[in-house]
């Protein structure tokens, strides 16, 4: 459920989104972009071209540990073999991204992450320290049949298998590009570089009919069996 926010817009939402006319609401205690004036229009963009979404409704937990320890925890969660480096799996609403042998990010709605990472058993679980790094990252969604073309025009990895993680070797502020489905990508970017990254996507997407979309449109798309993805 979203309610009008009394928090300052600059608390979490990039200035690029504010300037584009974002209407902000409160969801689970966090300021999110609800819409940009027309939810049906935003759904249409995601169905026909490509929508760009700020995911302030998502949080990020970071897990670091010994490779063997992480492997055991991942096998317990997803089965054998353990999640490969450079790949991701989704469990319910949370993505598990394995960036390297000793480093995993959990990305998903704030409410789903509120109780901490549900990974590992017994001593393994207690030996897996985690921290909330959501404030240090911006999460963007690229949704629609032209999502891959937009990323390619922005010189970002687009030819990824579903569940694969790409990177921008020329820009260390881009932490990960995840392909969620044939028509959906998630980009994780350092928060201090978010507005520059937004500009990069908007510029690349202009000739493709890209437009800003809010959480309400994405929620309705998800509820209708992932029509955009």
C-alpha atoms as a PDB file:
ATOM      1  CA  UNK A   1       0.000   0.000   0.000  1.00  0.00           C
ATOM      2  CA  UNK A   2       1.280   3.493  -0.811  1.00  0.00           C
ATOM      3  CA  UNK A   3       0.359   6.721   0.948  1.00  0.00           C
ATOM      4  CA  UNK A   4       1.367  10.324   0.185  1.00  0.00           C
ATOM      5  CA  UNK A   5       4.834  11.019   1.529  1.00  0.00           C
ATOM      6  CA  UNK A   6       5.724  13.842   3.894  1.00  0.00           C
ATOM      7  CA  UNK A   7       9.425  13.014   3.641  1.00  0.00           C
ATOM      8  CA  UNK A   8      11.690  15.278   1.574  1.00  0.00           C
ATOM      9  CA  UNK A   9      11.934  14.088  -2.026  1.00  0.00           C
ATOM     10  CA  UNK A  10      15.715  14.235  -1.985  1.00  0.00           C
ATOM     11  CA  UNK A  11      15.810  11.581   0.742  1.00  0.00           C
ATOM     12  CA  UNK A  12      15.949   8.679  -1.713  1.00  0.00           C
ATOM     13  CA  UNK A  13      14.713   9.573  -5.178  1.00  0.00           C
ATOM     14  CA  UNK A  14      17.183  10.781  -7.845  1.00  0.00           C
ATOM     15  CA  UNK A  15      16.845  14.395  -8.954  1.00  0.00           C
ATOM     16  CA  UNK A  16      16.340  13.214 -12.529  1.00  0.00           C
ATOM     17  CA  UNK A  17      13.093  11.522 -11.506  1.00  0.00           C
ATOM     18  CA  UNK A  18      11.923  14.553  -9.510  1.00  0.00           C
ATOM     19  CA  UNK A  19      12.548  16.792 -12.521  1.00  0.00           C
ATOM     20  CA  UNK A  20      10.547  14.388 -14.721  1.00  0.00           C
ATOM     21  CA  UNK A  21       7.458  14.924 -12.543  1.00  0.00           C
ATOM     22  CA  UNK A  22       7.613  11.981 -10.144  1.00  0.00           C
ATOM     23  CA  UNK A  23       4.691  11.733  -7.731  1.00  0.00           C
ATOM     24  CA  UNK A  24       6.095  10.401  -4.473  1.00  0.00           C
ATOM     25  CA  UNK A  25       4.339   8.122  -2.007  1.00  0.00           C
ATOM     26  CA  UNK A  26       5.348   6.249   1.093  1.00  0.00           C
ATOM     27  CA  UNK A  27       5.669   2.466   0.900  1.00  0.00           C
ATOM     28  CA  UNK A  28       6.825   0.435   3.901  1.00  0.00           C
ATOM     29  CA  UNK A  29       8.390   3.536   5.393  1.00  0.00           C
ATOM     30  CA  UNK A  30      10.360   4.482   2.264  1.00  0.00           C
ATOM     31  CA  UNK A  31       9.809   7.251  -0.274  1.00  0.00           C
ATOM     32  CA  UNK A  32       9.096   5.755  -3.709  1.00  0.00           C
ATOM     33  CA  UNK A  33       8.029   7.030  -7.118  1.00  0.00           C
ATOM     34  CA  UNK A  34       4.378   6.035  -7.370  1.00  0.00           C
ATOM     35  CA  UNK A  35       3.779   7.374 -10.889  1.00  0.00           C
ATOM     36  CA  UNK A  36       4.423  10.220 -13.312  1.00  0.00           C
ATOM     37  CA  UNK A  37       0.826  11.261 -13.880  1.00  0.00           C
ATOM     38  CA  UNK A  38      -0.670   8.390 -15.898  1.00  0.00           C
ATOM     39  CA  UNK A  39      -0.374   4.824 -14.696  1.00  0.00           C
ATOM     40  CA  UNK A  40      -2.160   3.412 -17.809  1.00  0.00           C
ATOM     41  CA  UNK A  41       0.246   5.376 -20.018  1.00  0.00           C
ATOM     42  CA  UNK A  42       3.228   4.016 -18.119  1.00  0.00           C
ATOM     43  CA  UNK A  43       1.943   0.458 -18.477  1.00  0.00           C
ATOM     44  CA  UNK A  44       1.570   1.041 -22.225  1.00  0.00           C
ATOM     45  CA  UNK A  45       5.174   2.218 -22.462  1.00  0.00           C
ATOM     46  CA  UNK A  46       6.397  -0.971 -20.795  1.00  0.00           C
ATOM     47  CA  UNK A  47       4.273  -3.076 -23.139  1.00  0.00           C
ATOM     48  CA  UNK A  48       5.190  -1.305 -26.385  1.00  0.00           C
ATOM     49  CA  UNK A  49       8.626   0.286 -26.010  1.00  0.00           C
ATOM     50  CA  UNK A  50      10.673   0.669 -22.819  1.00  0.00           C
ATOM     51  CA  UNK A  51      10.026   2.053 -19.359  1.00  0.00           C
ATOM     52  CA  UNK A  52      12.647   3.380 -16.937  1.00  0.00           C
ATOM     53  CA  UNK A  53      11.850   2.871 -13.257  1.00  0.00           C
ATOM     54  CA  UNK A  54      13.479   4.059 -10.059  1.00  0.00           C
ATOM     55  CA  UNK A  55      13.412   1.186  -7.569  1.00  0.00           C
ATOM     56  CA  UNK A  56      13.511   3.117  -4.317  1.00  0.00           C
ATOM     57  CA  UNK A  57      11.017   0.463  -3.231  1.00  0.00           C
ATOM     58  CA  UNK A  58      13.941  -2.021  -3.182  1.00  0.00           C
ATOM     59  CA  UNK A  59      16.659  -2.533  -0.624  1.00  0.00           C
ATOM     60  CA  UNK A  60      20.033  -4.294  -0.778  1.00  0.00           C
ATOM     61  CA  UNK A  61      21.733  -6.560   1.749  1.00  0.00           C
ATOM     62  CA  UNK A  62      25.350  -7.541   1.287  1.00  0.00           C
ATOM     63  CA  UNK A  63      26.786 -10.896   2.353  1.00  0.00           C
ATOM     64  CA  UNK A  64      30.516 -11.540   2.457  1.00  0.00           C
ATOM     65  CA  UNK A  65      32.200 -14.735   3.584  1.00  0.00           C
ATOM     66  CA  UNK A  66      34.505 -17.601   2.816  1.00  0.00           C
ATOM     67  CA  UNK A  67      33.761 -19.233  -0.538  1.00  0.00           C
ATOM     68  CA  UNK A  68      33.090 -22.653   0.984  1.00  0.00           C
ATOM     69  CA  UNK A  69      30.729 -21.123   3.524  1.00  0.00           C
ATOM     70  CA  UNK A  70      28.786 -19.229   0.860  1.00  0.00           C
ATOM     71  CA  UNK A  71      28.667 -22.331  -1.333  1.00  0.00           C
ATOM     72  CA  UNK A  72      27.126 -24.384   1.476  1.00  0.00           C
ATOM     73  CA  UNK A  73      24.576 -21.668   2.234  1.00  0.00           C
ATOM     74  CA  UNK A  74      23.614 -21.357  -1.436  1.00  0.00           C
ATOM     75  CA  UNK A  75      23.307 -25.115  -1.885  1.00  0.00           C
ATOM     76  CA  UNK A  76      21.043 -25.204   1.150  1.00  0.00           C
ATOM     77  CA  UNK A  77      18.930 -22.457  -0.406  1.00  0.00           C
ATOM     78  CA  UNK A  78      18.867 -23.430  -4.082  1.00  0.00           C
ATOM     79  CA  UNK A  79      20.345 -26.912  -4.357  1.00  0.00           C
ATOM     80  CA  UNK A  80      23.559 -28.269  -5.826  1.00  0.00           C
ATOM     81  CA  UNK A  81      25.594 -26.926  -7.605  1.00  0.00           C
ATOM     82  CA  UNK A  82      25.921 -23.577  -5.814  1.00  0.00           C
ATOM     83  CA  UNK A  83      25.011 -20.367  -7.579  1.00  0.00           C
ATOM     84  CA  UNK A  84      27.761 -19.571 -10.081  1.00  0.00           C
ATOM     85  CA  UNK A  85      29.804 -16.383 -10.010  1.00  0.00           C
ATOM     86  CA  UNK A  86      28.238 -13.780 -12.295  1.00  0.00           C
ATOM     87  CA  UNK A  87      24.749 -15.216 -12.003  1.00  0.00           C
ATOM     88  CA  UNK A  88      21.600 -14.660  -9.958  1.00  0.00           C
ATOM     89  CA  UNK A  89      18.549 -16.574  -8.772  1.00  0.00           C
ATOM     90  CA  UNK A  90      15.228 -15.252  -7.573  1.00  0.00           C
ATOM     91  CA  UNK A  91      13.422 -16.711  -4.606  1.00  0.00           C
ATOM     92  CA  UNK A  92       9.961 -15.269  -4.126  1.00  0.00           C
ATOM     93  CA  UNK A  93      10.542 -11.527  -4.508  1.00  0.00           C
ATOM     94  CA  UNK A  94      14.274 -11.415  -3.672  1.00  0.00           C
ATOM     95  CA  UNK A  95      17.163 -11.737  -6.117  1.00  0.00           C
ATOM     96  CA  UNK A  96      20.420 -13.350  -4.942  1.00  0.00           C
ATOM     97  CA  UNK A  97      23.307 -11.957  -7.025  1.00  0.00           C
ATOM     98  CA  UNK A  98      26.690 -13.649  -6.770  1.00  0.00           C
ATOM     99  CA  UNK A  99      29.147 -10.972  -7.821  1.00  0.00           C
ATOM    100  CA  UNK A 100      32.244 -12.991  -6.961  1.00  0.00           C
ATOM    101  CA  UNK A 101      33.290 -16.025  -4.936  1.00  0.00           C
ATOM    102  CA  UNK A 102      32.912 -14.274  -1.573  1.00  0.00           C
ATOM    103  CA  UNK A 103      30.314 -11.627  -2.289  1.00  0.00           C
ATOM    104  CA  UNK A 104      26.519 -11.869  -2.637  1.00  0.00           C
ATOM    105  CA  UNK A 105      23.887  -9.156  -2.855  1.00  0.00           C
ATOM    106  CA  UNK A 106      20.239  -9.693  -1.940  1.00  0.00           C
ATOM    107  CA  UNK A 107      17.987  -7.277  -3.831  1.00  0.00           C
ATOM    108  CA  UNK A 108      14.257  -6.968  -3.315  1.00  0.00           C
ATOM    109  CA  UNK A 109      11.390  -5.085  -1.685  1.00  0.00           C
ATOM    110  CA  UNK A 110      12.197  -3.551   1.684  1.00  0.00           C
ATOM    111  CA  UNK A 111       9.537  -5.603   3.448  1.00  0.00           C
ATOM    112  CA  UNK A 112      11.003  -8.851   2.086  1.00  0.00           C
ATOM    113  CA  UNK A 113      14.467  -7.947   3.404  1.00  0.00           C
ATOM    114  CA  UNK A 114      13.328  -6.564   6.767  1.00  0.00           C
ATOM    115  CA  UNK A 115      14.088  -9.754   8.708  1.00  0.00           C
ATOM    116  CA  UNK A 116      17.570 -10.126   7.251  1.00  0.00           C
ATOM    117  CA  UNK A 117      18.931 -12.687   4.782  1.00  0.00           C
ATOM    118  CA  UNK A 118      17.236 -16.072   5.034  1.00  0.00           C
ATOM    119  CA  UNK A 119      20.306 -18.048   4.004  1.00  0.00           C
ATOM    120  CA  UNK A 120      22.434 -20.670   5.747  1.00  0.00           C
ATOM    121  CA  UNK A 121      21.712 -22.897   8.720  1.00  0.00           C
ATOM    122  CA  UNK A 122      22.932 -23.031  12.281  1.00  0.00           C
ATOM    123  CA  UNK A 123      26.544 -21.952  12.660  1.00  0.00           C
ATOM    124  CA  UNK A 124      26.870 -21.221   8.938  1.00  0.00           C
ATOM    125  CA  UNK A 125      24.093 -18.659   9.229  1.00  0.00           C
ATOM    126  CA  UNK A 126      25.700 -17.002  12.255  1.00  0.00           C
ATOM    127  CA  UNK A 127      29.051 -16.929  10.437  1.00  0.00           C
ATOM    128  CA  UNK A 128      27.599 -15.043   7.480  1.00  0.00           C
ATOM    129  CA  UNK A 129      27.686 -11.371   8.464  1.00  0.00           C
ATOM    130  CA  UNK A 130      25.512  -9.049   6.448  1.00  0.00           C
ATOM    131  CA  UNK A 131      24.959  -5.330   6.182  1.00  0.00           C
ATOM    132  CA  UNK A 132      22.360  -3.084   4.670  1.00  0.00           C
ATOM    133  CA  UNK A 133      23.972  -1.149   1.795  1.00  0.00           C
ATOM    134  CA  UNK A 134      20.768   0.083   0.196  1.00  0.00           C
ATOM    135  CA  UNK A 135      21.543   3.739   0.876  1.00  0.00           C
ATOM    136  CA  UNK A 136      24.800   3.482  -1.103  1.00  0.00           C
ATOM    137  CA  UNK A 137      23.158   2.146  -4.271  1.00  0.00           C
ATOM    138  CA  UNK A 138      20.505   3.240  -6.743  1.00  0.00           C
ATOM    139  CA  UNK A 139      18.443   0.515  -8.403  1.00  0.00           C
ATOM    140  CA  UNK A 140      16.884   1.096 -11.803  1.00  0.00           C
ATOM    141  CA  UNK A 141      14.523  -1.068 -13.808  1.00  0.00           C
ATOM    142  CA  UNK A 142      14.555  -1.189 -17.611  1.00  0.00           C
ATOM    143  CA  UNK A 143      11.330  -2.829 -18.772  1.00  0.00           C
ATOM    144  CA  UNK A 144       9.852  -3.557 -22.175  1.00  0.00           C
ATOM    145  CA  UNK A 145      10.470  -5.043 -25.618  1.00  0.00           C
ATOM    146  CA  UNK A 146      13.132  -2.411 -26.394  1.00  0.00           C
ATOM    147  CA  UNK A 147      14.993  -2.748 -23.088  1.00  0.00           C
ATOM    148  CA  UNK A 148      17.903  -4.637 -24.625  1.00  0.00           C
ATOM    149  CA  UNK A 149      18.224  -2.158 -27.484  1.00  0.00           C
ATOM    150  CA  UNK A 150      18.338   0.719 -25.018  1.00  0.00           C
ATOM    151  CA  UNK A 151      21.125  -0.890 -22.996  1.00  0.00           C
ATOM    152  CA  UNK A 152      23.104  -1.613 -26.142  1.00  0.00           C
ATOM    153  CA  UNK A 153      22.773   2.017 -27.274  1.00  0.00           C
ATOM    154  CA  UNK A 154      24.018   3.086 -23.837  1.00  0.00           C
ATOM    155  CA  UNK A 155      27.070   0.782 -24.240  1.00  0.00           C
ATOM    156  CA  UNK A 156      25.850  -1.463 -21.443  1.00  0.00           C
ATOM    157  CA  UNK A 157      25.645  -5.288 -21.494  1.00  0.00           C
ATOM    158  CA  UNK A 158      22.378  -6.378 -23.087  1.00  0.00           C
ATOM    159  CA  UNK A 159      23.143  -9.797 -24.582  1.00  0.00           C
ATOM    160  CA  UNK A 160      22.841 -11.592 -21.267  1.00  0.00           C
ATOM    161  CA  UNK A 161      21.205 -14.894 -20.439  1.00  0.00           C
ATOM    162  CA  UNK A 162      18.273 -14.642 -18.059  1.00  0.00           C
ATOM    163  CA  UNK A 163      19.733 -14.583 -14.557  1.00  0.00           C
ATOM    164  CA  UNK A 164      23.159 -13.476 -15.776  1.00  0.00           C
ATOM    165  CA  UNK A 165      25.000 -10.459 -14.367  1.00  0.00           C
ATOM    166  CA  UNK A 166      26.939  -8.034 -16.554  1.00  0.00           C
ATOM    167  CA  UNK A 167      29.163  -5.067 -15.787  1.00  0.00           C
ATOM    168  CA  UNK A 168      30.401  -1.905 -17.444  1.00  0.00           C
ATOM    169  CA  UNK A 169      34.177  -2.269 -17.488  1.00  0.00           C
ATOM    170  CA  UNK A 170      34.543   1.403 -18.348  1.00  0.00           C
ATOM    171  CA  UNK A 171      32.445   2.709 -15.450  1.00  0.00           C
ATOM    172  CA  UNK A 172      33.105   1.284 -11.962  1.00  0.00           C
ATOM    173  CA  UNK A 173      30.032   3.088 -10.602  1.00  0.00           C
ATOM    174  CA  UNK A 174      27.885   0.464 -12.367  1.00  0.00           C
ATOM    175  CA  UNK A 175      27.890  -2.375  -9.857  1.00  0.00           C
ATOM    176  CA  UNK A 176      25.783  -4.849 -11.841  1.00  0.00           C
ATOM    177  CA  UNK A 177      23.343  -5.240 -14.716  1.00  0.00           C
ATOM    178  CA  UNK A 178      20.991  -8.179 -14.128  1.00  0.00           C
ATOM    179  CA  UNK A 179      18.744  -9.659 -16.775  1.00  0.00           C
ATOM    180  CA  UNK A 180      15.566 -10.618 -14.924  1.00  0.00           C
ATOM    181  CA  UNK A 181      13.596 -11.885 -17.924  1.00  0.00           C
ATOM    182  CA  UNK A 182      13.520 -11.437 -21.708  1.00  0.00           C
ATOM    183  CA  UNK A 183      12.182  -7.881 -21.331  1.00  0.00           C
ATOM    184  CA  UNK A 184      13.392  -6.831 -17.910  1.00  0.00           C
ATOM    185  CA  UNK A 185      16.746  -5.711 -16.540  1.00  0.00           C
ATOM    186  CA  UNK A 186      17.881  -4.333 -13.191  1.00  0.00           C
ATOM    187  CA  UNK A 187      20.805  -1.935 -12.914  1.00  0.00           C
ATOM    188  CA  UNK A 188      22.629  -1.380  -9.613  1.00  0.00           C
ATOM    189  CA  UNK A 189      24.619   1.839  -9.567  1.00  0.00           C
ATOM    190  CA  UNK A 190      26.455   3.751  -6.878  1.00  0.00           C
ATOM    191  CA  UNK A 191      24.077   6.332  -5.456  1.00  0.00           C
ATOM    192  CA  UNK A 192      26.471   9.222  -6.064  1.00  0.00           C
ATOM    193  CA  UNK A 193      26.454   8.387  -9.785  1.00  0.00           C
ATOM    194  CA  UNK A 194      22.714   7.761 -10.127  1.00  0.00           C
ATOM    195  CA  UNK A 195      21.752  10.986 -11.885  1.00  0.00           C
ATOM    196  CA  UNK A 196      24.561  10.633 -14.437  1.00  0.00           C
ATOM    197  CA  UNK A 197      23.447   7.056 -15.119  1.00  0.00           C
ATOM    198  CA  UNK A 198      19.831   8.162 -15.498  1.00  0.00           C
ATOM    199  CA  UNK A 199      20.936  10.769 -18.045  1.00  0.00           C
ATOM    200  CA  UNK A 200      22.826   8.068 -19.926  1.00  0.00           C
ATOM    201  CA  UNK A 201      19.730   5.860 -20.138  1.00  0.00           C
ATOM    202  CA  UNK A 202      17.340   8.680 -21.012  1.00  0.00           C
ATOM    203  CA  UNK A 203      19.636   9.882 -23.820  1.00  0.00           C
ATOM    204  CA  UNK A 204      19.988   6.371 -25.242  1.00  0.00           C
ATOM    205  CA  UNK A 205      16.272   5.697 -24.888  1.00  0.00           C
ATOM    206  CA  UNK A 206      14.886   8.863 -26.440  1.00  0.00           C
ATOM    207  CA  UNK A 207      14.809   7.539 -30.034  1.00  0.00           C
ATOM    208  CA  UNK A 208      13.295   4.272 -28.750  1.00  0.00           C
ATOM    209  CA  UNK A 209      10.309   5.916 -27.076  1.00  0.00           C
ATOM    210  CA  UNK A 210      11.589   5.408 -23.536  1.00  0.00           C
ATOM    211  CA  UNK A 211       9.678   7.029 -20.685  1.00  0.00           C
ATOM    212  CA  UNK A 212       9.715   7.170 -16.905  1.00  0.00           C
ATOM    213  CA  UNK A 213       7.440   4.719 -15.088  1.00  0.00           C
ATOM    214  CA  UNK A 214       6.518   4.370 -11.421  1.00  0.00           C
ATOM    215  CA  UNK A 215       5.979   1.582  -8.932  1.00  0.00           C
ATOM    216  CA  UNK A 216       2.211   1.504  -9.399  1.00  0.00           C
ATOM    217  CA  UNK A 217       2.547   0.602 -13.076  1.00  0.00           C
ATOM    218  CA  UNK A 218       5.127  -2.076 -12.262  1.00  0.00           C
ATOM    219  CA  UNK A 219       2.941  -3.558  -9.542  1.00  0.00           C
ATOM    220  CA  UNK A 220       0.016  -3.858 -11.965  1.00  0.00           C
ATOM    221  CA  UNK A 221       2.248  -5.409 -14.621  1.00  0.00           C
ATOM    222  CA  UNK A 222       3.519  -7.942 -12.088  1.00  0.00           C
ATOM    223  CA  UNK A 223      -0.017  -8.738 -11.008  1.00  0.00           C
ATOM    224  CA  UNK A 224      -1.046  -9.428 -14.610  1.00  0.00           C
ATOM    225  CA  UNK A 225       1.399 -12.339 -14.916  1.00  0.00           C
ATOM    226  CA  UNK A 226       4.439 -10.259 -15.825  1.00  0.00           C
ATOM    227  CA  UNK A 227       3.065  -9.054 -19.132  1.00  0.00           C
ATOM    228  CA  UNK A 228       6.081  -6.793 -19.650  1.00  0.00           C
ATOM    229  CA  UNK A 229       8.585  -9.502 -18.950  1.00  0.00           C
END
